[in-house]
């Protein structure tokens, strides 16, 4: 039954949203090692997967980009090496250098370079009306908001150096999908942070699934997000689900792709019942549909 639900959700996603075509590019090292990059586009909010196939003599590999090091890791099913790089929602257009450093079993290093030419992306502006306490919080709520932010900061700093996921990502619930990643939002006529995920409108109580396998690193209530679950998938990739009416997972649980983790609700800063689903790769906010597009089978 879980496989049937998964296939239905993927079909709905592909037909209702219209995913970008996938680009693939191969880089060849001086010793003949092939490194593949797969991505939808080089634009704000996009994810890039960097892969080295099985059967090489590489024992350590890392990607360096915008001052951050991305260690390439394995999963339990293969010896393939890969990592994920995110182009943050607010990255400026321009050319950025990506460096890939490979170390073989003899300790010898070689480096590959790739220019990432980021193109501009336009995001729409939307006005929304919510309870004023979620736009200008009362003084008594400020300590809680600061505490929430610190908890989330600590969680996103805890990285598992191997891949915990299982194949490609799936859409976490049925409903009307709004491709509103990056939307510039004005709440009660006051500009606020851009929308860092996508919304799926669904009736209260609609079941929400883990979009991939991983470890539940947060299951609780946040001021703005309401009832929330965060799953770590390894290699710096996290999925974030919020506004639940009920949480059906516990911190520390290891969940499989498709497991139920909550029910759609309207807690926190909302205009109605829906699921907010977002993804972070380290500090980069990426469009969840960029992860759905990547080849992870």
C-alpha atoms as a PDB file:
ATOM      1  CA  UNK A   1       0.000   0.000   0.000  1.00  0.00           C
ATOM      2  CA  UNK A   2       2.855   2.407   0.832  1.00  0.00           C
ATOM      3  CA  UNK A   3       4.355   1.924  -2.660  1.00  0.00           C
ATOM      4  CA  UNK A   4       0.975   2.680  -4.275  1.00  0.00           C
ATOM      5  CA  UNK A   5       0.637   5.895  -2.259  1.00  0.00           C
ATOM      6  CA  UNK A   6       4.194   6.892  -3.134  1.00  0.00           C
ATOM      7  CA  UNK A   7       3.646   6.359  -6.868  1.00  0.00           C
ATOM      8  CA  UNK A   8       0.408   8.331  -6.748  1.00  0.00           C
ATOM      9  CA  UNK A   9       2.056  11.253  -5.010  1.00  0.00           C
ATOM     10  CA  UNK A  10       4.966  11.291  -7.427  1.00  0.00           C
ATOM     11  CA  UNK A  11       2.565  11.220 -10.392  1.00  0.00           C
ATOM     12  CA  UNK A  12       0.567  14.099  -8.911  1.00  0.00           C
ATOM     13  CA  UNK A  13       3.758  16.048  -8.282  1.00  0.00           C
ATOM     14  CA  UNK A  14       5.132  15.593 -11.788  1.00  0.00           C
ATOM     15  CA  UNK A  15       1.868  16.492 -13.485  1.00  0.00           C
ATOM     16  CA  UNK A  16       0.722  19.254 -11.158  1.00  0.00           C
ATOM     17  CA  UNK A  17       3.985  21.165 -10.890  1.00  0.00           C
ATOM     18  CA  UNK A  18       5.931  20.490 -14.055  1.00  0.00           C
ATOM     19  CA  UNK A  19       9.478  19.780 -12.906  1.00  0.00           C
ATOM     20  CA  UNK A  20      12.383  21.302 -14.809  1.00  0.00           C
ATOM     21  CA  UNK A  21      14.349  19.038 -17.117  1.00  0.00           C
ATOM     22  CA  UNK A  22      17.420  17.562 -15.482  1.00  0.00           C
ATOM     23  CA  UNK A  23      20.916  18.559 -16.598  1.00  0.00           C
ATOM     24  CA  UNK A  24      23.881  16.196 -16.257  1.00  0.00           C
ATOM     25  CA  UNK A  25      27.525  17.073 -16.712  1.00  0.00           C
ATOM     26  CA  UNK A  26      30.666  14.935 -16.407  1.00  0.00           C
ATOM     27  CA  UNK A  27      34.109  16.126 -15.296  1.00  0.00           C
ATOM     28  CA  UNK A  28      37.197  13.976 -15.875  1.00  0.00           C
ATOM     29  CA  UNK A  29      40.134  14.053 -13.478  1.00  0.00           C
ATOM     30  CA  UNK A  30      43.770  13.739 -14.748  1.00  0.00           C
ATOM     31  CA  UNK A  31      43.814  10.075 -13.604  1.00  0.00           C
ATOM     32  CA  UNK A  32      40.554   9.273 -15.388  1.00  0.00           C
ATOM     33  CA  UNK A  33      38.061   9.504 -12.488  1.00  0.00           C
ATOM     34  CA  UNK A  34      34.625  10.678 -13.667  1.00  0.00           C
ATOM     35  CA  UNK A  35      32.718  13.103 -11.447  1.00  0.00           C
ATOM     36  CA  UNK A  36      29.105  13.764 -12.419  1.00  0.00           C
ATOM     37  CA  UNK A  37      27.042  16.849 -11.589  1.00  0.00           C
ATOM     38  CA  UNK A  38      23.243  16.669 -11.866  1.00  0.00           C
ATOM     39  CA  UNK A  39      20.937  19.663 -11.401  1.00  0.00           C
ATOM     40  CA  UNK A  40      17.836  21.395 -12.755  1.00  0.00           C
ATOM     41  CA  UNK A  41      19.455  24.793 -13.208  1.00  0.00           C
ATOM     42  CA  UNK A  42      22.055  27.091 -11.692  1.00  0.00           C
ATOM     43  CA  UNK A  43      19.599  29.465 -10.044  1.00  0.00           C
ATOM     44  CA  UNK A  44      18.716  30.543  -6.495  1.00  0.00           C
ATOM     45  CA  UNK A  45      17.091  27.716  -4.566  1.00  0.00           C
ATOM     46  CA  UNK A  46      18.478  24.880  -6.677  1.00  0.00           C
ATOM     47  CA  UNK A  47      20.292  21.748  -5.504  1.00  0.00           C
ATOM     48  CA  UNK A  48      23.264  20.073  -7.190  1.00  0.00           C
ATOM     49  CA  UNK A  49      24.237  16.444  -6.604  1.00  0.00           C
ATOM     50  CA  UNK A  50      27.910  15.571  -7.147  1.00  0.00           C
ATOM     51  CA  UNK A  51      28.572  11.853  -7.695  1.00  0.00           C
ATOM     52  CA  UNK A  52      31.546   9.517  -8.120  1.00  0.00           C
ATOM     53  CA  UNK A  53      30.549   6.051  -9.305  1.00  0.00           C
ATOM     54  CA  UNK A  54      31.569   2.812  -7.601  1.00  0.00           C
ATOM     55  CA  UNK A  55      34.792   1.019  -8.457  1.00  0.00           C
ATOM     56  CA  UNK A  56      37.255   3.910  -8.152  1.00  0.00           C
ATOM     57  CA  UNK A  57      40.324   4.040  -5.902  1.00  0.00           C
ATOM     58  CA  UNK A  58      39.153   7.276  -4.252  1.00  0.00           C
ATOM     59  CA  UNK A  59      39.075   7.046  -0.459  1.00  0.00           C
ATOM     60  CA  UNK A  60      38.234  10.669   0.286  1.00  0.00           C
ATOM     61  CA  UNK A  61      36.465  13.344  -1.749  1.00  0.00           C
ATOM     62  CA  UNK A  62      35.106  16.769  -0.973  1.00  0.00           C
ATOM     63  CA  UNK A  63      33.510  19.692  -2.737  1.00  0.00           C
ATOM     64  CA  UNK A  64      34.498  23.245  -1.829  1.00  0.00           C
ATOM     65  CA  UNK A  65      32.078  25.979  -2.731  1.00  0.00           C
ATOM     66  CA  UNK A  66      31.439  29.477  -1.380  1.00  0.00           C
ATOM     67  CA  UNK A  67      33.719  28.926   1.604  1.00  0.00           C
ATOM     68  CA  UNK A  68      32.082  25.680   2.706  1.00  0.00           C
ATOM     69  CA  UNK A  69      33.428  22.127   2.510  1.00  0.00           C
ATOM     70  CA  UNK A  70      31.004  19.387   1.500  1.00  0.00           C
ATOM     71  CA  UNK A  71      32.373  15.940   2.338  1.00  0.00           C
ATOM     72  CA  UNK A  72      31.275  13.231  -0.068  1.00  0.00           C
ATOM     73  CA  UNK A  73      29.831  10.177   1.666  1.00  0.00           C
ATOM     74  CA  UNK A  74      28.337   6.757   0.999  1.00  0.00           C
ATOM     75  CA  UNK A  75      25.118   5.017   1.905  1.00  0.00           C
ATOM     76  CA  UNK A  76      24.705   1.463   3.161  1.00  0.00           C
ATOM     77  CA  UNK A  77      23.681   0.091  -0.237  1.00  0.00           C
ATOM     78  CA  UNK A  78      26.689   1.023  -2.380  1.00  0.00           C
ATOM     79  CA  UNK A  79      30.220   2.401  -2.438  1.00  0.00           C
ATOM     80  CA  UNK A  80      29.185   5.312  -4.653  1.00  0.00           C
ATOM     81  CA  UNK A  81      30.327   8.679  -3.283  1.00  0.00           C
ATOM     82  CA  UNK A  82      28.073  11.718  -3.424  1.00  0.00           C
ATOM     83  CA  UNK A  83      27.172  14.973  -1.803  1.00  0.00           C
ATOM     84  CA  UNK A  84      24.646  17.766  -2.191  1.00  0.00           C
ATOM     85  CA  UNK A  85      25.356  21.451  -2.752  1.00  0.00           C
ATOM     86  CA  UNK A  86      22.637  24.062  -2.365  1.00  0.00           C
ATOM     87  CA  UNK A  87      22.373  27.419  -4.127  1.00  0.00           C
ATOM     88  CA  UNK A  88      20.685  29.494  -1.441  1.00  0.00           C
ATOM     89  CA  UNK A  89      17.453  31.359  -2.034  1.00  0.00           C
ATOM     90  CA  UNK A  90      19.317  34.684  -1.790  1.00  0.00           C
ATOM     91  CA  UNK A  91      22.445  33.870  -3.815  1.00  0.00           C
ATOM     92  CA  UNK A  92      23.315  36.664  -6.248  1.00  0.00           C
ATOM     93  CA  UNK A  93      23.681  36.039  -9.960  1.00  0.00           C
ATOM     94  CA  UNK A  94      27.277  35.684 -11.104  1.00  0.00           C
ATOM     95  CA  UNK A  95      30.085  33.168 -11.574  1.00  0.00           C
ATOM     96  CA  UNK A  96      31.266  31.047  -8.628  1.00  0.00           C
ATOM     97  CA  UNK A  97      34.105  28.510  -8.575  1.00  0.00           C
ATOM     98  CA  UNK A  98      33.447  24.957  -7.395  1.00  0.00           C
ATOM     99  CA  UNK A  99      36.488  22.845  -6.498  1.00  0.00           C
ATOM    100  CA  UNK A 100      36.397  19.064  -6.149  1.00  0.00           C
ATOM    101  CA  UNK A 101      39.314  17.479  -4.263  1.00  0.00           C
ATOM    102  CA  UNK A 102      39.956  13.732  -4.682  1.00  0.00           C
ATOM    103  CA  UNK A 103      42.365  11.606  -2.607  1.00  0.00           C
ATOM    104  CA  UNK A 104      43.262   8.069  -3.703  1.00  0.00           C
ATOM    105  CA  UNK A 105      44.425   5.047  -1.704  1.00  0.00           C
ATOM    106  CA  UNK A 106      48.071   6.166  -2.054  1.00  0.00           C
ATOM    107  CA  UNK A 107      47.289   9.549  -0.509  1.00  0.00           C
ATOM    108  CA  UNK A 108      47.683  11.369  -3.828  1.00  0.00           C
ATOM    109  CA  UNK A 109      45.415  14.329  -4.477  1.00  0.00           C
ATOM    110  CA  UNK A 110      43.959  15.812  -7.610  1.00  0.00           C
ATOM    111  CA  UNK A 111      41.630  18.740  -8.101  1.00  0.00           C
ATOM    112  CA  UNK A 112      38.853  19.506 -10.557  1.00  0.00           C
ATOM    113  CA  UNK A 113      37.265  22.913 -11.088  1.00  0.00           C
ATOM    114  CA  UNK A 114      33.869  23.943 -12.354  1.00  0.00           C
ATOM    115  CA  UNK A 115      32.514  27.469 -12.898  1.00  0.00           C
ATOM    116  CA  UNK A 116      28.951  27.702 -11.628  1.00  0.00           C
ATOM    117  CA  UNK A 117      27.251  30.549 -13.497  1.00  0.00           C
ATOM    118  CA  UNK A 118      24.200  31.424 -11.405  1.00  0.00           C
ATOM    119  CA  UNK A 119      21.356  33.082 -13.286  1.00  0.00           C
ATOM    120  CA  UNK A 120      18.850  35.455 -11.697  1.00  0.00           C
ATOM    121  CA  UNK A 121      15.451  34.113 -10.677  1.00  0.00           C
ATOM    122  CA  UNK A 122      12.348  36.221 -10.148  1.00  0.00           C
ATOM    123  CA  UNK A 123       9.997  35.486  -7.280  1.00  0.00           C
ATOM    124  CA  UNK A 124       6.483  36.801  -6.974  1.00  0.00           C
ATOM    125  CA  UNK A 125       5.241  39.021  -4.137  1.00  0.00           C
ATOM    126  CA  UNK A 126       2.197  38.017  -2.096  1.00  0.00           C
ATOM    127  CA  UNK A 127       0.173  39.793   0.587  1.00  0.00           C
ATOM    128  CA  UNK A 128      -1.227  37.722   3.426  1.00  0.00           C
ATOM    129  CA  UNK A 129      -3.300  38.459   6.511  1.00  0.00           C
ATOM    130  CA  UNK A 130      -2.704  36.619   9.781  1.00  0.00           C
ATOM    131  CA  UNK A 131      -3.170  37.262  13.477  1.00  0.00           C
ATOM    132  CA  UNK A 132      -1.106  40.304  14.435  1.00  0.00           C
ATOM    133  CA  UNK A 133       0.769  38.394  17.146  1.00  0.00           C
ATOM    134  CA  UNK A 134       2.516  36.467  14.326  1.00  0.00           C
ATOM    135  CA  UNK A 135       3.630  39.674  12.602  1.00  0.00           C
ATOM    136  CA  UNK A 136       4.564  41.841  15.583  1.00  0.00           C
ATOM    137  CA  UNK A 137       4.992  39.373  18.466  1.00  0.00           C
ATOM    138  CA  UNK A 138       4.197  40.535  22.005  1.00  0.00           C
ATOM    139  CA  UNK A 139       7.160  41.094  24.286  1.00  0.00           C
ATOM    140  CA  UNK A 140       6.370  37.952  26.293  1.00  0.00           C
ATOM    141  CA  UNK A 141       6.895  35.846  23.144  1.00  0.00           C
ATOM    142  CA  UNK A 142      10.347  37.203  22.255  1.00  0.00           C
ATOM    143  CA  UNK A 143      12.322  34.901  24.541  1.00  0.00           C
ATOM    144  CA  UNK A 144      10.523  31.905  23.092  1.00  0.00           C
ATOM    145  CA  UNK A 145      11.231  33.045  19.529  1.00  0.00           C
ATOM    146  CA  UNK A 146      14.941  33.479  20.329  1.00  0.00           C
ATOM    147  CA  UNK A 147      15.012  30.049  21.985  1.00  0.00           C
ATOM    148  CA  UNK A 148      13.335  28.463  18.962  1.00  0.00           C
ATOM    149  CA  UNK A 149      15.912  30.026  16.642  1.00  0.00           C
ATOM    150  CA  UNK A 150      18.815  28.766  18.767  1.00  0.00           C
ATOM    151  CA  UNK A 151      17.407  25.234  18.899  1.00  0.00           C
ATOM    152  CA  UNK A 152      17.042  25.147  15.121  1.00  0.00           C
ATOM    153  CA  UNK A 153      20.549  26.576  14.640  1.00  0.00           C
ATOM    154  CA  UNK A 154      22.026  23.812  16.808  1.00  0.00           C
ATOM    155  CA  UNK A 155      20.031  21.106  15.020  1.00  0.00           C
ATOM    156  CA  UNK A 156      21.222  22.226  11.590  1.00  0.00           C
ATOM    157  CA  UNK A 157      24.808  22.085  12.837  1.00  0.00           C
ATOM    158  CA  UNK A 158      24.654  18.348  13.650  1.00  0.00           C
ATOM    159  CA  UNK A 159      25.692  16.529  10.474  1.00  0.00           C
ATOM    160  CA  UNK A 160      25.844  12.780   9.822  1.00  0.00           C
ATOM    161  CA  UNK A 161      28.764  12.172   7.381  1.00  0.00           C
ATOM    162  CA  UNK A 162      26.942   9.477   5.371  1.00  0.00           C
ATOM    163  CA  UNK A 163      23.732   9.328   3.387  1.00  0.00           C
ATOM    164  CA  UNK A 164      20.705   8.068   5.348  1.00  0.00           C
ATOM    165  CA  UNK A 165      18.187   8.472   2.534  1.00  0.00           C
ATOM    166  CA  UNK A 166      16.722   5.705   0.397  1.00  0.00           C
ATOM    167  CA  UNK A 167      16.413   6.509  -3.298  1.00  0.00           C
ATOM    168  CA  UNK A 168      14.698   9.631  -4.570  1.00  0.00           C
ATOM    169  CA  UNK A 169      12.617  12.040  -2.487  1.00  0.00           C
ATOM    170  CA  UNK A 170       8.813  11.880  -2.600  1.00  0.00           C
ATOM    171  CA  UNK A 171       6.052  14.411  -2.081  1.00  0.00           C
ATOM    172  CA  UNK A 172       5.081  14.164   1.617  1.00  0.00           C
ATOM    173  CA  UNK A 173       1.289  14.419   1.304  1.00  0.00           C
ATOM    174  CA  UNK A 174      -1.626  14.664  -1.083  1.00  0.00           C
ATOM    175  CA  UNK A 175      -3.373  17.962  -1.693  1.00  0.00           C
ATOM    176  CA  UNK A 176      -3.104  21.131  -3.761  1.00  0.00           C
ATOM    177  CA  UNK A 177       0.575  21.915  -4.237  1.00  0.00           C
ATOM    178  CA  UNK A 178       1.538  25.590  -4.397  1.00  0.00           C
ATOM    179  CA  UNK A 179       4.914  26.180  -6.134  1.00  0.00           C
ATOM    180  CA  UNK A 180       5.526  29.229  -3.945  1.00  0.00           C
ATOM    181  CA  UNK A 181       9.161  28.713  -2.961  1.00  0.00           C
ATOM    182  CA  UNK A 182      10.943  32.065  -2.664  1.00  0.00           C
ATOM    183  CA  UNK A 183       7.749  34.102  -2.586  1.00  0.00           C
ATOM    184  CA  UNK A 184       8.362  37.559  -1.135  1.00  0.00           C
ATOM    185  CA  UNK A 185       5.718  37.846   1.558  1.00  0.00           C
ATOM    186  CA  UNK A 186       4.002  40.837   3.094  1.00  0.00           C
ATOM    187  CA  UNK A 187       2.084  39.998   6.261  1.00  0.00           C
ATOM    188  CA  UNK A 188      -0.500  42.570   7.358  1.00  0.00           C
ATOM    189  CA  UNK A 189       1.230  45.134   5.065  1.00  0.00           C
ATOM    190  CA  UNK A 190       4.632  44.454   6.668  1.00  0.00           C
ATOM    191  CA  UNK A 191       7.425  42.810   4.609  1.00  0.00           C
ATOM    192  CA  UNK A 192       8.848  39.661   6.188  1.00  0.00           C
ATOM    193  CA  UNK A 193      11.299  36.895   5.237  1.00  0.00           C
ATOM    194  CA  UNK A 194      10.848  35.181   1.860  1.00  0.00           C
ATOM    195  CA  UNK A 195       9.035  31.857   1.811  1.00  0.00           C
ATOM    196  CA  UNK A 196      11.676  29.134   2.087  1.00  0.00           C
ATOM    197  CA  UNK A 197       9.533  26.123   1.178  1.00  0.00           C
ATOM    198  CA  UNK A 198       6.403  25.053  -0.652  1.00  0.00           C
ATOM    199  CA  UNK A 199       2.869  24.773   0.690  1.00  0.00           C
ATOM    200  CA  UNK A 200       0.477  21.877   0.180  1.00  0.00           C
ATOM    201  CA  UNK A 201      -3.149  22.718   0.992  1.00  0.00           C
ATOM    202  CA  UNK A 202      -5.041  19.743   2.406  1.00  0.00           C
ATOM    203  CA  UNK A 203      -7.889  19.041   4.850  1.00  0.00           C
ATOM    204  CA  UNK A 204      -7.157  18.917   8.552  1.00  0.00           C
ATOM    205  CA  UNK A 205      -5.903  15.489   9.528  1.00  0.00           C
ATOM    206  CA  UNK A 206      -4.436  14.570   6.132  1.00  0.00           C
ATOM    207  CA  UNK A 207      -1.533  12.201   6.752  1.00  0.00           C
ATOM    208  CA  UNK A 208       2.008  13.489   6.140  1.00  0.00           C
ATOM    209  CA  UNK A 209       4.864  11.153   5.214  1.00  0.00           C
ATOM    210  CA  UNK A 210       8.639  11.391   5.528  1.00  0.00           C
ATOM    211  CA  UNK A 211       9.842  12.452   2.069  1.00  0.00           C
ATOM    212  CA  UNK A 212      12.931  10.273   2.520  1.00  0.00           C
ATOM    213  CA  UNK A 213      14.486   8.063   5.157  1.00  0.00           C
ATOM    214  CA  UNK A 214      16.405   9.652   7.988  1.00  0.00           C
ATOM    215  CA  UNK A 215      16.582  10.534  11.659  1.00  0.00           C
ATOM    216  CA  UNK A 216      13.988  12.714  13.394  1.00  0.00           C
ATOM    217  CA  UNK A 217      16.056  15.461  15.020  1.00  0.00           C
ATOM    218  CA  UNK A 218      13.151  17.657  16.145  1.00  0.00           C
ATOM    219  CA  UNK A 219       9.509  16.984  16.989  1.00  0.00           C
ATOM    220  CA  UNK A 220       7.860  19.813  18.853  1.00  0.00           C
ATOM    221  CA  UNK A 221       6.086  23.155  18.856  1.00  0.00           C
ATOM    222  CA  UNK A 222       7.630  26.371  17.459  1.00  0.00           C
ATOM    223  CA  UNK A 223       6.161  29.866  17.712  1.00  0.00           C
ATOM    224  CA  UNK A 224       5.906  30.626  13.987  1.00  0.00           C
ATOM    225  CA  UNK A 225       5.888  27.091  12.555  1.00  0.00           C
ATOM    226  CA  UNK A 226       3.553  25.470  15.062  1.00  0.00           C
ATOM    227  CA  UNK A 227       3.810  21.707  15.476  1.00  0.00           C
ATOM    228  CA  UNK A 228       6.951  20.742  13.554  1.00  0.00           C
ATOM    229  CA  UNK A 229       9.064  17.746  12.554  1.00  0.00           C
ATOM    230  CA  UNK A 230      12.619  17.992  11.181  1.00  0.00           C
ATOM    231  CA  UNK A 231      14.347  14.976   9.612  1.00  0.00           C
ATOM    232  CA  UNK A 232      18.090  14.730   8.990  1.00  0.00           C
ATOM    233  CA  UNK A 233      19.014  12.690   5.912  1.00  0.00           C
ATOM    234  CA  UNK A 234      22.802  12.937   6.258  1.00  0.00           C
ATOM    235  CA  UNK A 235      25.428  14.920   4.339  1.00  0.00           C
ATOM    236  CA  UNK A 236      23.883  18.202   5.521  1.00  0.00           C
ATOM    237  CA  UNK A 237      20.386  17.608   4.065  1.00  0.00           C
ATOM    238  CA  UNK A 238      17.344  18.316   6.284  1.00  0.00           C
ATOM    239  CA  UNK A 239      13.606  18.285   5.552  1.00  0.00           C
ATOM    240  CA  UNK A 240      11.262  20.492   7.583  1.00  0.00           C
ATOM    241  CA  UNK A 241       7.488  19.874   7.967  1.00  0.00           C
ATOM    242  CA  UNK A 242       5.257  22.164   9.975  1.00  0.00           C
ATOM    243  CA  UNK A 243       1.793  23.500  10.953  1.00  0.00           C
ATOM    244  CA  UNK A 244       0.779  19.957  11.986  1.00  0.00           C
ATOM    245  CA  UNK A 245      -2.364  19.327  13.979  1.00  0.00           C
ATOM    246  CA  UNK A 246      -0.741  16.174  15.390  1.00  0.00           C
ATOM    247  CA  UNK A 247       2.864  14.978  15.464  1.00  0.00           C
ATOM    248  CA  UNK A 248       3.251  11.232  14.946  1.00  0.00           C
ATOM    249  CA  UNK A 249       7.024  10.876  15.325  1.00  0.00           C
ATOM    250  CA  UNK A 250       9.452  11.298  18.194  1.00  0.00           C
ATOM    251  CA  UNK A 251      12.873  12.885  18.353  1.00  0.00           C
ATOM    252  CA  UNK A 252      15.483  10.188  17.838  1.00  0.00           C
ATOM    253  CA  UNK A 253      13.269   7.952  15.684  1.00  0.00           C
ATOM    254  CA  UNK A 254      14.700   6.601  12.459  1.00  0.00           C
ATOM    255  CA  UNK A 255      11.943   6.828   9.873  1.00  0.00           C
ATOM    256  CA  UNK A 256      11.750   5.190   6.467  1.00  0.00           C
ATOM    257  CA  UNK A 257      10.620   7.019   3.356  1.00  0.00           C
ATOM    258  CA  UNK A 258       6.806   7.016   3.368  1.00  0.00           C
ATOM    259  CA  UNK A 259       6.406   6.565   7.145  1.00  0.00           C
ATOM    260  CA  UNK A 260       3.697   8.732   8.711  1.00  0.00           C
ATOM    261  CA  UNK A 261       5.159  11.592  10.779  1.00  0.00           C
ATOM    262  CA  UNK A 262       2.146  13.841  11.358  1.00  0.00           C
ATOM    263  CA  UNK A 263      -1.212  15.225  10.278  1.00  0.00           C
ATOM    264  CA  UNK A 264      -1.939  18.442   8.392  1.00  0.00           C
ATOM    265  CA  UNK A 265      -3.064  21.269  10.645  1.00  0.00           C
ATOM    266  CA  UNK A 266      -3.179  25.034  11.071  1.00  0.00           C
ATOM    267  CA  UNK A 267      -0.840  25.710  13.981  1.00  0.00           C
ATOM    268  CA  UNK A 268       1.552  28.664  14.044  1.00  0.00           C
ATOM    269  CA  UNK A 269       1.467  31.508  11.488  1.00  0.00           C
ATOM    270  CA  UNK A 270      -1.050  30.301   8.913  1.00  0.00           C
ATOM    271  CA  UNK A 271      -4.022  31.433   6.860  1.00  0.00           C
ATOM    272  CA  UNK A 272      -5.564  27.953   6.773  1.00  0.00           C
ATOM    273  CA  UNK A 273      -4.859  24.242   6.961  1.00  0.00           C
ATOM    274  CA  UNK A 274      -1.801  23.206   4.975  1.00  0.00           C
ATOM    275  CA  UNK A 275       1.605  21.580   5.138  1.00  0.00           C
ATOM    276  CA  UNK A 276       4.705  23.747   4.835  1.00  0.00           C
ATOM    277  CA  UNK A 277       7.542  21.604   3.475  1.00  0.00           C
ATOM    278  CA  UNK A 278      11.055  22.957   3.142  1.00  0.00           C
ATOM    279  CA  UNK A 279      14.590  21.670   2.679  1.00  0.00           C
ATOM    280  CA  UNK A 280      17.978  22.899   3.805  1.00  0.00           C
ATOM    281  CA  UNK A 281      21.394  21.784   2.616  1.00  0.00           C
ATOM    282  CA  UNK A 282      23.605  23.075   5.414  1.00  0.00           C
ATOM    283  CA  UNK A 283      22.660  26.788   5.519  1.00  0.00           C
ATOM    284  CA  UNK A 284      21.236  26.906   1.987  1.00  0.00           C
ATOM    285  CA  UNK A 285      17.459  27.107   1.555  1.00  0.00           C
ATOM    286  CA  UNK A 286      16.527  25.104  -1.533  1.00  0.00           C
ATOM    287  CA  UNK A 287      13.335  24.456  -3.451  1.00  0.00           C
ATOM    288  CA  UNK A 288      12.022  21.008  -2.426  1.00  0.00           C
ATOM    289  CA  UNK A 289      11.175  20.286  -6.059  1.00  0.00           C
ATOM    290  CA  UNK A 290      14.842  20.549  -6.966  1.00  0.00           C
ATOM    291  CA  UNK A 291      15.463  17.564  -4.663  1.00  0.00           C
ATOM    292  CA  UNK A 292      12.518  15.662  -6.132  1.00  0.00           C
ATOM    293  CA  UNK A 293      14.164  16.001  -9.552  1.00  0.00           C
ATOM    294  CA  UNK A 294      17.567  14.577  -8.633  1.00  0.00           C
ATOM    295  CA  UNK A 295      18.513  10.993  -9.600  1.00  0.00           C
ATOM    296  CA  UNK A 296      19.042   9.134  -6.333  1.00  0.00           C
ATOM    297  CA  UNK A 297      17.949   5.588  -7.188  1.00  0.00           C
END
